[in-house]
Structures are given as structure tokens and as C-alpha cells.
């Protein structure tokens, strides 16, 4: 025999005593709610000051890509690696200080808005 009632889609949220729990549910209802929870938990990426570690990783990646491009275009291996090491020495401090400048500028504007 066919079912006459619709099945409920969500759990009942009350206790047997009639009280409804007000703590946050474990699963967000929508994608927007999940994103807002993640932002509250983690905070925007721009709020963190730059680190030397991030500058080293970014500089290493870019200089490795430069060496790979030079090798693909039939440049000699030795000078390509030497240029990559030189550019690594340039990219790391340049990237850190550019990030620091941008972060300070965002902090000043954020503090001014308050």
C-alpha cells in the first residue's frame, strides 16, 4: 500500500522535555552558510602578515619555472641554473617586501575604517 504522508526531510530538533537546543548544528544548511562559517573560523587570508617561508616558497616556484622554460627553449643547463639561483636571490626578498608593503597598506585602511 502506498504511503499517505510525506516523510520528514529534517530531524526534529527538540528534546523530549520540549526544549529546543540552540547550539550550532554540525552541518550547515546551505553553501553560503558553510562559507561564512569557514571565514569566521579561518579569517581572510589578507589578515595575516607575510612570512619569509611564503616568500621562499613563491620565489622557489617562480625560479624553478624560469629554469624549466630556459631548458625547454634549448638554453645550456649550467647558465640556466645559475640564472635561476640569481633570480631566486632576487625574488625572495622582493616578494617578501612587496607583500609586507601591501599588508601594511591593508592594515592601515582596515584600522582607518574602524
Protein backbone atom coordinates (compact mmCIF):
# COMPACT_ATOMS: atom_id res chain seq x y z
CA UNK A 1 0.00 0.00 0.00
CA UNK A 2 1.30 3.46 -0.87
CA UNK A 3 2.39 5.83 1.86
CA UNK A 4 -0.11 8.58 2.57
CA UNK A 5 2.13 11.01 4.46
CA UNK A 6 5.25 12.77 3.27
CA UNK A 7 8.39 11.66 5.03
CA UNK A 8 10.09 14.34 7.06
CA UNK A 9 13.21 15.77 5.50
CA UNK A 10 14.96 17.07 8.61
CA UNK A 11 15.36 15.71 12.08
CA UNK A 12 13.18 17.08 14.83
CA UNK A 13 15.33 19.48 16.80
CA UNK A 14 13.67 19.40 20.20
CA UNK A 15 14.36 17.31 23.29
CA UNK A 16 11.78 15.13 24.99
CA UNK A 17 11.29 17.81 27.62
CA UNK A 18 10.24 20.29 24.95
CA UNK A 19 13.40 22.39 24.92
CA UNK A 20 14.96 23.21 21.55
CA UNK A 21 18.74 23.13 21.53
CA UNK A 22 20.26 26.43 20.47
CA UNK A 23 23.80 25.21 19.80
CA UNK A 24 25.01 25.32 16.25
CA UNK A 25 24.22 22.34 14.09
CA UNK A 26 27.06 20.22 12.84
CA UNK A 27 26.13 20.56 9.17
CA UNK A 28 25.42 23.91 7.50
CA UNK A 29 22.10 24.24 5.70
CA UNK A 30 23.45 25.92 2.60
CA UNK A 31 26.68 26.59 0.77
CA UNK A 32 26.62 30.25 1.82
CA UNK A 33 26.35 29.25 5.48
CA UNK A 34 29.27 26.85 5.09
CA UNK A 35 31.41 29.56 3.51
CA UNK A 36 30.56 32.07 6.23
CA UNK A 37 31.48 29.52 8.92
CA UNK A 38 34.81 28.87 7.21
CA UNK A 39 35.55 32.60 7.01
CA UNK A 40 34.77 33.08 10.70
CA UNK A 41 36.97 30.16 11.64
CA UNK A 42 39.94 30.93 9.41
CA UNK A 43 39.64 34.64 8.69
CA UNK A 44 40.54 36.22 5.38
CA UNK A 45 43.98 35.40 4.05
CA UNK A 46 44.90 39.09 3.83
CA UNK A 47 44.66 39.49 7.61
CA UNK A 48 47.85 37.52 8.20
CA UNK A 49 51.22 39.26 7.91
CA UNK A 50 53.61 37.93 5.28
CA UNK A 51 56.23 35.37 6.22
CA UNK A 52 59.67 34.58 4.88
CA UNK A 53 58.54 31.00 4.40
CA UNK A 54 55.81 32.03 1.94
CA UNK A 55 58.28 34.28 0.12
CA UNK A 56 60.80 31.41 -0.14
CA UNK A 57 58.17 29.01 -1.48
CA UNK A 58 56.89 31.50 -4.04
CA UNK A 59 60.41 32.51 -5.13
CA UNK A 60 61.46 28.88 -5.46
CA UNK A 61 58.45 28.06 -7.59
CA UNK A 62 58.97 31.01 -9.92
CA UNK A 63 62.71 30.46 -10.33
CA UNK A 64 62.17 26.73 -10.98
CA UNK A 65 59.63 27.63 -13.67
CA UNK A 66 62.16 30.05 -15.17
CA UNK A 67 64.83 27.35 -15.32
CA UNK A 68 62.34 24.91 -16.87
CA UNK A 69 61.36 27.43 -19.55
CA UNK A 70 65.01 28.16 -20.34
CA UNK A 71 65.76 24.44 -20.69
CA UNK A 72 62.71 23.91 -22.92
CA UNK A 73 63.99 26.65 -25.24
CA UNK A 74 67.35 24.84 -25.66
CA UNK A 75 69.48 27.04 -23.43
CA UNK A 76 72.54 25.42 -21.83
CA UNK A 77 71.87 23.77 -18.45
CA UNK A 78 74.65 25.46 -16.44
CA UNK A 79 73.81 29.09 -17.23
CA UNK A 80 70.09 28.34 -16.85
CA UNK A 81 70.59 27.02 -13.31
CA UNK A 82 72.92 29.91 -12.49
CA UNK A 83 70.30 32.41 -13.68
CA UNK A 84 67.65 30.54 -11.66
CA UNK A 85 69.76 30.80 -8.47
CA UNK A 86 70.37 34.51 -9.10
CA UNK A 87 66.66 35.13 -9.68
CA UNK A 88 65.87 33.15 -6.52
CA UNK A 89 68.13 35.52 -4.58
CA UNK A 90 66.22 38.44 -6.11
CA UNK A 91 62.67 37.02 -5.90
CA UNK A 92 62.71 36.05 -2.20
CA UNK A 93 63.38 39.47 -0.62
CA UNK A 94 61.48 41.30 -3.36
CA UNK A 95 58.38 39.14 -2.81
CA UNK A 96 58.57 39.46 0.98
CA UNK A 97 58.88 43.24 0.99
CA UNK A 98 56.15 43.70 -1.62
CA UNK A 99 53.84 41.51 0.48
CA UNK A 100 54.81 43.46 3.61
CA UNK A 101 54.09 46.78 1.89
CA UNK A 102 50.67 45.56 0.68
CA UNK A 103 49.79 44.06 4.08
CA UNK A 104 50.69 47.29 5.91
CA UNK A 105 48.58 49.27 3.46
CA UNK A 106 45.58 46.98 4.02
CA UNK A 107 46.07 47.18 7.80
CA UNK A 108 46.15 50.98 7.71
CA UNK A 109 42.93 51.12 5.69
CA UNK A 110 41.29 48.49 7.92
CA UNK A 111 42.20 50.44 11.07
CA UNK A 112 41.06 53.69 9.49
CA UNK A 113 37.65 52.15 8.68
CA UNK A 114 37.13 51.29 12.34
